[in-house]
Structures are given as C-alpha cells and as structure tokens.
Amino acid sequence: MKQPTKPIKLFLVDDDALFLKALELEFRNHADFEIQTFSTGEACLNNLETLPDVIILDYHLDSIVSGAMNGLDTLDQIKIVHPEIPVIILSSQDSIEVAIQCMHHKSYDYVVKSETAFFRLQKIITTIFSYIKLEKELDWYVKRM
C-alpha cells in the first residue's frame, strides 16, 4: 500500500492582499498544500521555525508598513537561517536585471506577476520536488556502494 504523502508546506509572502488571497485560493484549489500567508518579510521570518517546504516571496514587499523589509532583504535572512529552503521571487517588474539580482541573492527562481504566474509557480514547485526526490535516490545509491 502506498504511503499517504504529506501536504507541501507553502509560505506565500506578499503585501498586495488581493494578489496574495488569489494566489492562496489557486494553490488550495489545485493541490494539497498547507499554506501560511504573510504580508511582511518580518512575519515570514518570525515563522520560519515551522520549516516550510517552499516560500514564494514578493520582490518589493515594503508598501504596507513603512520601513518594512523588502523581498531581497527577507530572502537574505531566510538563506542565513535556512539555506536549504527554496525561495521563489515574485515581482511585477519584468526585468532581466531584477531577475539576475534575485538569483545572486540565491533565489531558486524568479516569476513575473501575470495571469500565468500561478501555472509557472506550480511547474517550478513540481521541479523542486522532482529534484529533491532524485537527490534522495542518488544519496541512497551512493550509500549502498
């Protein structure tokens, strides 16, 4: 009998409440996710001890609370504490310079906010877990040698 799989623990972090809710509903309606949403980077960081499997993080993230951390600062802090957690950056800026900047800060990927963003995010998350599965299988084979 196949073991039941646990839901993917997903953090969604965005200061745009409407976009955040829409994204949350898309993920809830299309797969088995355990979702936590945050409107600030600080709130996300304060909950990292629950160890999400993936974080989707807005690039700007500083429009609601004056002086709040932006997405890159939040990403840097996540990577200091838990470098193994994949973080996907979302941005309304369709800019190669911003995408490169995010990758330099160790983002797993960069997605432009658009009507197809959810499908791109879904594909990236599938790729992340396929890669993790392959790493575990390879590790198992290496240990057997």
Protein backbone atom coordinates (compact mmCIF):
# COMPACT_ATOMS: atom_id res chain seq x y z
CA MET A 1 0.00 0.00 0.00
CA LYS A 2 1.31 3.44 -0.93
CA GLN A 3 2.06 5.75 1.97
CA PRO A 4 -0.05 8.90 2.05
CA THR A 5 2.03 11.92 1.20
CA LYS A 6 2.05 14.90 3.47
CA PRO A 7 0.92 18.22 2.06
CA ILE A 8 3.56 20.64 0.85
CA LYS A 9 4.04 23.40 3.40
CA LEU A 10 3.99 26.65 1.45
CA PHE A 11 4.61 30.20 2.66
CA LEU A 12 3.13 32.96 0.50
CA VAL A 13 4.55 36.40 1.28
CA ASP A 14 3.13 39.46 -0.46
CA ASP A 15 1.97 42.92 0.65
CA ASP A 16 -0.72 43.01 -2.06
CA ALA A 17 -3.65 41.49 -0.14
CA LEU A 18 -5.76 40.80 -3.24
CA PHE A 19 -2.96 39.07 -5.13
CA LEU A 20 -2.00 37.12 -2.01
CA LYS A 21 -5.55 35.85 -1.49
CA ALA A 22 -5.95 34.97 -5.17
CA LEU A 23 -2.68 33.03 -5.13
CA GLU A 24 -3.66 31.23 -1.94
CA LEU A 25 -7.01 30.19 -3.44
CA GLU A 26 -5.33 28.94 -6.63
CA PHE A 27 -2.96 26.72 -4.63
CA ARG A 28 -5.74 25.45 -2.34
CA ASN A 29 -7.94 24.57 -5.33
CA HIS A 30 -5.30 22.77 -7.38
CA ALA A 31 -3.26 20.65 -4.98
CA ASP A 32 -2.69 19.51 -1.42
CA PHE A 33 -0.85 22.42 0.19
CA GLU A 34 -0.58 23.56 3.78
CA ILE A 35 -0.46 27.31 3.25
CA GLN A 36 0.52 30.18 5.51
CA THR A 37 0.27 33.74 4.21
CA PHE A 38 2.20 36.78 5.38
CA SER A 39 2.06 40.43 4.37
CA THR A 40 5.58 41.30 5.59
CA GLY A 41 9.00 39.71 5.44
CA GLU A 42 9.30 40.09 9.19
CA ALA A 43 6.17 37.97 9.75
CA CYS A 44 7.56 35.30 7.44
CA LEU A 45 10.90 35.26 9.27
CA ASN A 46 9.14 35.00 12.63
CA ASN A 47 7.50 31.76 11.46
CA LEU A 48 10.48 30.04 9.80
CA GLU A 49 10.79 27.63 12.72
CA THR A 50 7.80 25.75 11.23
CA LEU A 51 10.11 24.91 8.29
CA PRO A 52 8.14 25.49 5.10
CA ASP A 53 8.98 23.34 2.09
CA VAL A 54 8.84 26.32 -0.30
CA ILE A 55 8.50 30.10 0.06
CA ILE A 56 7.00 32.35 -2.59
CA LEU A 57 8.16 35.87 -1.82
CA ASP A 58 7.26 39.25 -3.31
CA TYR A 59 10.23 41.29 -4.53
CA HIS A 60 9.14 44.70 -3.18
CA LEU A 61 7.19 43.76 -0.07
CA ASP A 62 7.56 47.17 1.60
CA SER A 63 4.47 49.15 0.63
CA ILE A 64 2.16 48.48 3.61
CA VAL A 65 4.44 49.04 6.58
CA SER A 66 6.81 52.00 6.44
CA GLY A 67 10.37 50.76 6.81
CA ALA A 68 9.43 47.09 6.33
CA MET A 69 11.98 44.70 4.86
CA ASN A 70 11.91 44.31 1.10
CA GLY A 71 11.91 40.95 -0.60
CA LEU A 72 15.66 40.72 -1.15
CA ASP A 73 16.43 41.55 2.49
CA THR A 74 13.92 38.90 3.54
CA LEU A 75 15.46 36.40 1.11
CA ASP A 76 18.93 37.10 2.53
CA GLN A 77 17.70 36.47 6.08
CA ILE A 78 15.93 33.25 5.07
CA LYS A 79 19.12 31.98 3.41
CA ILE A 80 21.19 32.77 6.52
CA VAL A 81 18.88 30.77 8.78
CA HIS A 82 17.67 28.03 6.38
CA PRO A 83 19.69 27.98 3.15
CA GLU A 84 18.02 24.72 2.09
CA ILE A 85 14.52 26.23 1.74
CA PRO A 86 13.77 27.06 -1.91
CA VAL A 87 12.53 30.64 -2.31
CA ILE A 88 10.79 31.78 -5.47
CA ILE A 89 10.66 35.54 -6.01
CA LEU A 90 7.54 37.13 -7.50
CA SER A 91 7.63 40.60 -8.98
CA SER A 92 5.52 42.89 -11.08
CA GLN A 93 8.77 44.02 -12.75
CA ASP A 94 9.52 42.16 -15.97
CA SER A 95 13.21 42.97 -15.86
CA ILE A 96 16.19 40.76 -16.56
CA GLU A 97 18.28 42.91 -14.19
CA VAL A 98 15.86 42.24 -11.32
CA ALA A 99 15.82 38.51 -12.15
CA ILE A 100 19.63 38.37 -12.14
CA GLN A 101 19.73 40.29 -8.86
CA CYS A 102 17.35 37.76 -7.29
CA MET A 103 19.49 34.85 -8.47
CA HIS A 104 22.59 36.49 -6.99
CA HIS A 105 20.73 36.54 -3.67
CA LYS A 106 20.17 32.76 -4.03
CA SER A 107 16.56 32.77 -5.15
CA TYR A 108 15.51 29.42 -6.64
CA ASP A 109 13.65 31.19 -9.44
CA TYR A 110 12.01 34.45 -10.48
CA VAL A 111 8.41 34.79 -11.72
CA VAL A 112 6.71 37.88 -13.11
CA LYS A 113 3.25 38.56 -11.68
CA SER A 114 0.83 37.93 -14.53
CA GLU A 115 -2.22 35.88 -15.41
CA THR A 116 0.06 32.86 -15.96
CA ALA A 117 2.14 33.26 -12.78
CA PHE A 118 0.26 30.54 -10.88
CA PHE A 119 0.93 27.93 -13.59
CA ARG A 120 4.60 28.86 -13.72
CA LEU A 121 4.82 28.61 -9.91
CA GLN A 122 3.12 25.22 -9.99
CA LYS A 123 5.64 23.96 -12.55
CA ILE A 124 8.60 25.29 -10.52
CA ILE A 125 7.34 23.62 -7.33
CA THR A 126 6.93 20.32 -9.20
CA THR A 127 10.51 20.68 -10.45
CA ILE A 128 11.79 21.39 -6.92
CA PHE A 129 10.24 18.21 -5.55
CA SER A 130 11.37 16.10 -8.51
CA TYR A 131 14.90 17.33 -7.89
CA ILE A 132 14.65 16.57 -4.14
CA LYS A 133 13.42 13.04 -4.93
CA LEU A 134 16.31 12.47 -7.32
CA GLU A 135 18.80 13.73 -4.73
CA LYS A 136 17.42 11.28 -2.14
CA GLU A 137 17.59 8.37 -4.61
CA LEU A 138 21.14 9.27 -5.59
CA ASP A 139 22.13 9.52 -1.92
CA TRP A 140 20.62 6.08 -1.29
CA TYR A 141 22.63 4.56 -4.16
CA VAL A 142 25.86 6.23 -3.06
CA LYS A 143 25.44 4.92 0.49
CA ARG A 144 24.96 1.39 -0.81
CA MET A 145 28.26 1.40 -2.70
